[in-house]
């Protein structure tokens, strides 16, 4: 599992916006786009969505605190990460060593590619 730092997204020309509500606590499970905190500027109220599905590990802000773009809000442990892996060179796939859903260790060869 991987930890993701949840930060304030780009919300325009605002730099000092109060957190009016924290909607989750450590241990809560969230889905992509679930609301995590509510911010309120002089023009609008905005919920900050979760960037990934996972479990809240730590909440780094409290209601009443002021935040700006990039400010850390919480740490989210992702349940599952997906990565696209590019071929390191042109060639013909000679062998695929794993199936979808298999666990692999860091550094393991996933496929054999023969040079053309």
C-alpha atoms as a PDB file:
ATOM      1  CA  UNK A   1       0.000   0.000   0.000  1.00  0.00           C
ATOM      2  CA  UNK A   2       1.161   3.518  -0.708  1.00  0.00           C
ATOM      3  CA  UNK A   3       0.689   6.734   1.238  1.00  0.00           C
ATOM      4  CA  UNK A   4      -0.707   9.737  -0.627  1.00  0.00           C
ATOM      5  CA  UNK A   5      -0.415  13.286   0.703  1.00  0.00           C
ATOM      6  CA  UNK A   6      -3.746  15.033   0.141  1.00  0.00           C
ATOM      7  CA  UNK A   7      -3.234  18.751  -0.511  1.00  0.00           C
ATOM      8  CA  UNK A   8      -5.353  21.767  -1.375  1.00  0.00           C
ATOM      9  CA  UNK A   9      -5.972  21.833  -5.137  1.00  0.00           C
ATOM     10  CA  UNK A  10      -5.564  25.003  -7.211  1.00  0.00           C
ATOM     11  CA  UNK A  11      -8.571  27.076  -6.171  1.00  0.00           C
ATOM     12  CA  UNK A  12      -7.747  30.261  -7.984  1.00  0.00           C
ATOM     13  CA  UNK A  13      -6.392  33.447  -6.488  1.00  0.00           C
ATOM     14  CA  UNK A  14      -7.006  32.492  -2.854  1.00  0.00           C
ATOM     15  CA  UNK A  15      -4.165  32.040  -0.387  1.00  0.00           C
ATOM     16  CA  UNK A  16      -5.656  32.098   3.088  1.00  0.00           C
ATOM     17  CA  UNK A  17      -8.895  30.110   3.196  1.00  0.00           C
ATOM     18  CA  UNK A  18     -10.412  28.780   6.422  1.00  0.00           C
ATOM     19  CA  UNK A  19     -11.175  25.095   6.906  1.00  0.00           C
ATOM     20  CA  UNK A  20     -14.752  25.100   8.157  1.00  0.00           C
ATOM     21  CA  UNK A  21     -15.259  21.355   8.538  1.00  0.00           C
ATOM     22  CA  UNK A  22     -13.181  18.160   8.522  1.00  0.00           C
ATOM     23  CA  UNK A  23     -15.443  15.402   7.217  1.00  0.00           C
ATOM     24  CA  UNK A  24     -13.247  12.354   7.952  1.00  0.00           C
ATOM     25  CA  UNK A  25     -11.060  11.001  10.749  1.00  0.00           C
ATOM     26  CA  UNK A  26      -8.119   8.585  10.897  1.00  0.00           C
ATOM     27  CA  UNK A  27      -9.275   5.062  10.113  1.00  0.00           C
ATOM     28  CA  UNK A  28     -12.123   6.145   7.827  1.00  0.00           C
ATOM     29  CA  UNK A  29     -12.312   4.451   4.430  1.00  0.00           C
ATOM     30  CA  UNK A  30     -12.961   6.806   1.517  1.00  0.00           C
ATOM     31  CA  UNK A  31     -13.707   6.409  -2.190  1.00  0.00           C
ATOM     32  CA  UNK A  32     -12.407   8.540  -5.044  1.00  0.00           C
ATOM     33  CA  UNK A  33     -14.113  11.969  -4.967  1.00  0.00           C
ATOM     34  CA  UNK A  34     -15.547  11.558  -1.444  1.00  0.00           C
ATOM     35  CA  UNK A  35     -15.475  14.921   0.338  1.00  0.00           C
ATOM     36  CA  UNK A  36     -12.664  15.198   2.888  1.00  0.00           C
ATOM     37  CA  UNK A  37     -12.762  18.792   4.141  1.00  0.00           C
ATOM     38  CA  UNK A  38     -14.876  21.874   3.489  1.00  0.00           C
ATOM     39  CA  UNK A  39     -13.254  25.247   2.783  1.00  0.00           C
ATOM     40  CA  UNK A  40     -15.030  28.590   2.683  1.00  0.00           C
ATOM     41  CA  UNK A  41     -13.815  31.717   0.921  1.00  0.00           C
ATOM     42  CA  UNK A  42     -15.640  35.030   0.817  1.00  0.00           C
ATOM     43  CA  UNK A  43     -17.107  33.909  -2.540  1.00  0.00           C
ATOM     44  CA  UNK A  44     -17.870  30.185  -2.190  1.00  0.00           C
ATOM     45  CA  UNK A  45     -17.833  27.017  -0.113  1.00  0.00           C
ATOM     46  CA  UNK A  46     -15.887  24.105  -1.567  1.00  0.00           C
ATOM     47  CA  UNK A  47     -15.427  20.471  -0.572  1.00  0.00           C
ATOM     48  CA  UNK A  48     -11.981  18.992  -1.276  1.00  0.00           C
ATOM     49  CA  UNK A  49     -12.408  15.533  -2.841  1.00  0.00           C
ATOM     50  CA  UNK A  50     -10.318  12.453  -2.190  1.00  0.00           C
ATOM     51  CA  UNK A  51      -7.826  11.833  -5.019  1.00  0.00           C
ATOM     52  CA  UNK A  52      -7.936   8.054  -4.477  1.00  0.00           C
ATOM     53  CA  UNK A  53      -9.741   5.274  -2.652  1.00  0.00           C
ATOM     54  CA  UNK A  54      -8.106   4.318   0.626  1.00  0.00           C
ATOM     55  CA  UNK A  55      -7.919   4.746   4.378  1.00  0.00           C
ATOM     56  CA  UNK A  56      -7.298   8.059   6.138  1.00  0.00           C
ATOM     57  CA  UNK A  57      -4.065   7.661   8.117  1.00  0.00           C
ATOM     58  CA  UNK A  58      -3.759  11.190   9.548  1.00  0.00           C
ATOM     59  CA  UNK A  59      -5.668  14.472   9.429  1.00  0.00           C
ATOM     60  CA  UNK A  60      -3.265  17.426   9.407  1.00  0.00           C
ATOM     61  CA  UNK A  61      -5.738  20.339   9.715  1.00  0.00           C
ATOM     62  CA  UNK A  62      -8.461  21.427  12.130  1.00  0.00           C
ATOM     63  CA  UNK A  63     -11.561  23.555  11.629  1.00  0.00           C
ATOM     64  CA  UNK A  64     -10.626  27.220  11.815  1.00  0.00           C
ATOM     65  CA  UNK A  65      -7.121  26.773  10.377  1.00  0.00           C
ATOM     66  CA  UNK A  66      -6.296  28.776   7.267  1.00  0.00           C
ATOM     67  CA  UNK A  67      -4.791  27.035   4.238  1.00  0.00           C
ATOM     68  CA  UNK A  68      -3.629  27.802   0.709  1.00  0.00           C
ATOM     69  CA  UNK A  69      -2.818  25.900  -2.479  1.00  0.00           C
ATOM     70  CA  UNK A  70      -0.574  22.905  -1.814  1.00  0.00           C
ATOM     71  CA  UNK A  71      -1.134  22.923   1.950  1.00  0.00           C
ATOM     72  CA  UNK A  72      -1.131  19.359   3.340  1.00  0.00           C
ATOM     73  CA  UNK A  73      -4.543  18.279   4.600  1.00  0.00           C
ATOM     74  CA  UNK A  74      -4.171  14.608   5.393  1.00  0.00           C
ATOM     75  CA  UNK A  75      -2.361  11.387   4.603  1.00  0.00           C
ATOM     76  CA  UNK A  76      -4.315   8.724   2.765  1.00  0.00           C
ATOM     77  CA  UNK A  77      -3.155   5.127   2.432  1.00  0.00           C
ATOM     78  CA  UNK A  78      -4.142   3.957  -1.037  1.00  0.00           C
ATOM     79  CA  UNK A  79      -5.733   0.563  -1.222  1.00  0.00           C
ATOM     80  CA  UNK A  80      -4.435  -0.174  -4.666  1.00  0.00           C
ATOM     81  CA  UNK A  81      -2.098   1.634  -7.020  1.00  0.00           C
ATOM     82  CA  UNK A  82      -2.091   1.123 -10.749  1.00  0.00           C
ATOM     83  CA  UNK A  83       0.971   1.877 -12.859  1.00  0.00           C
ATOM     84  CA  UNK A  84       1.468   1.692 -16.617  1.00  0.00           C
ATOM     85  CA  UNK A  85       4.844   0.171 -17.372  1.00  0.00           C
ATOM     86  CA  UNK A  86       6.433   0.983 -20.713  1.00  0.00           C
ATOM     87  CA  UNK A  87       8.642  -1.371 -22.705  1.00  0.00           C
ATOM     88  CA  UNK A  88      12.297  -0.484 -22.094  1.00  0.00           C
ATOM     89  CA  UNK A  89      13.166  -1.175 -25.733  1.00  0.00           C
ATOM     90  CA  UNK A  90      11.606  -2.224 -29.051  1.00  0.00           C
ATOM     91  CA  UNK A  91      11.268  -5.940 -29.621  1.00  0.00           C
ATOM     92  CA  UNK A  92       9.035  -8.986 -29.535  1.00  0.00           C
ATOM     93  CA  UNK A  93       7.425 -10.147 -26.298  1.00  0.00           C
ATOM     94  CA  UNK A  94       8.905 -13.591 -25.667  1.00  0.00           C
ATOM     95  CA  UNK A  95       7.263 -14.331 -22.300  1.00  0.00           C
ATOM     96  CA  UNK A  96       4.830 -12.765 -19.850  1.00  0.00           C
ATOM     97  CA  UNK A  97       5.787 -13.875 -16.345  1.00  0.00           C
ATOM     98  CA  UNK A  98       2.731 -12.748 -14.350  1.00  0.00           C
ATOM     99  CA  UNK A  99      -1.058 -12.587 -14.709  1.00  0.00           C
ATOM    100  CA  UNK A 100      -3.405  -9.715 -13.850  1.00  0.00           C
ATOM    101  CA  UNK A 101      -3.876  -9.628 -10.082  1.00  0.00           C
ATOM    102  CA  UNK A 102      -0.565 -11.351  -9.229  1.00  0.00           C
ATOM    103  CA  UNK A 103       1.665  -9.714  -6.608  1.00  0.00           C
ATOM    104  CA  UNK A 104       5.173  -8.870  -7.745  1.00  0.00           C
ATOM    105  CA  UNK A 105       8.245  -7.845  -5.805  1.00  0.00           C
ATOM    106  CA  UNK A 106      10.277  -4.772  -6.607  1.00  0.00           C
ATOM    107  CA  UNK A 107      12.856  -5.489  -9.301  1.00  0.00           C
ATOM    108  CA  UNK A 108      11.176  -8.637 -10.683  1.00  0.00           C
ATOM    109  CA  UNK A 109      11.081  -9.023 -14.479  1.00  0.00           C
ATOM    110  CA  UNK A 110       7.489  -8.883 -15.676  1.00  0.00           C
ATOM    111  CA  UNK A 111       8.092  -9.789 -19.324  1.00  0.00           C
ATOM    112  CA  UNK A 112      10.947 -10.972 -21.522  1.00  0.00           C
ATOM    113  CA  UNK A 113      11.430  -8.910 -24.681  1.00  0.00           C
ATOM    114  CA  UNK A 114      13.641 -10.219 -27.482  1.00  0.00           C
ATOM    115  CA  UNK A 115      15.356  -7.663 -29.703  1.00  0.00           C
ATOM    116  CA  UNK A 116      13.959  -7.430 -33.221  1.00  0.00           C
END
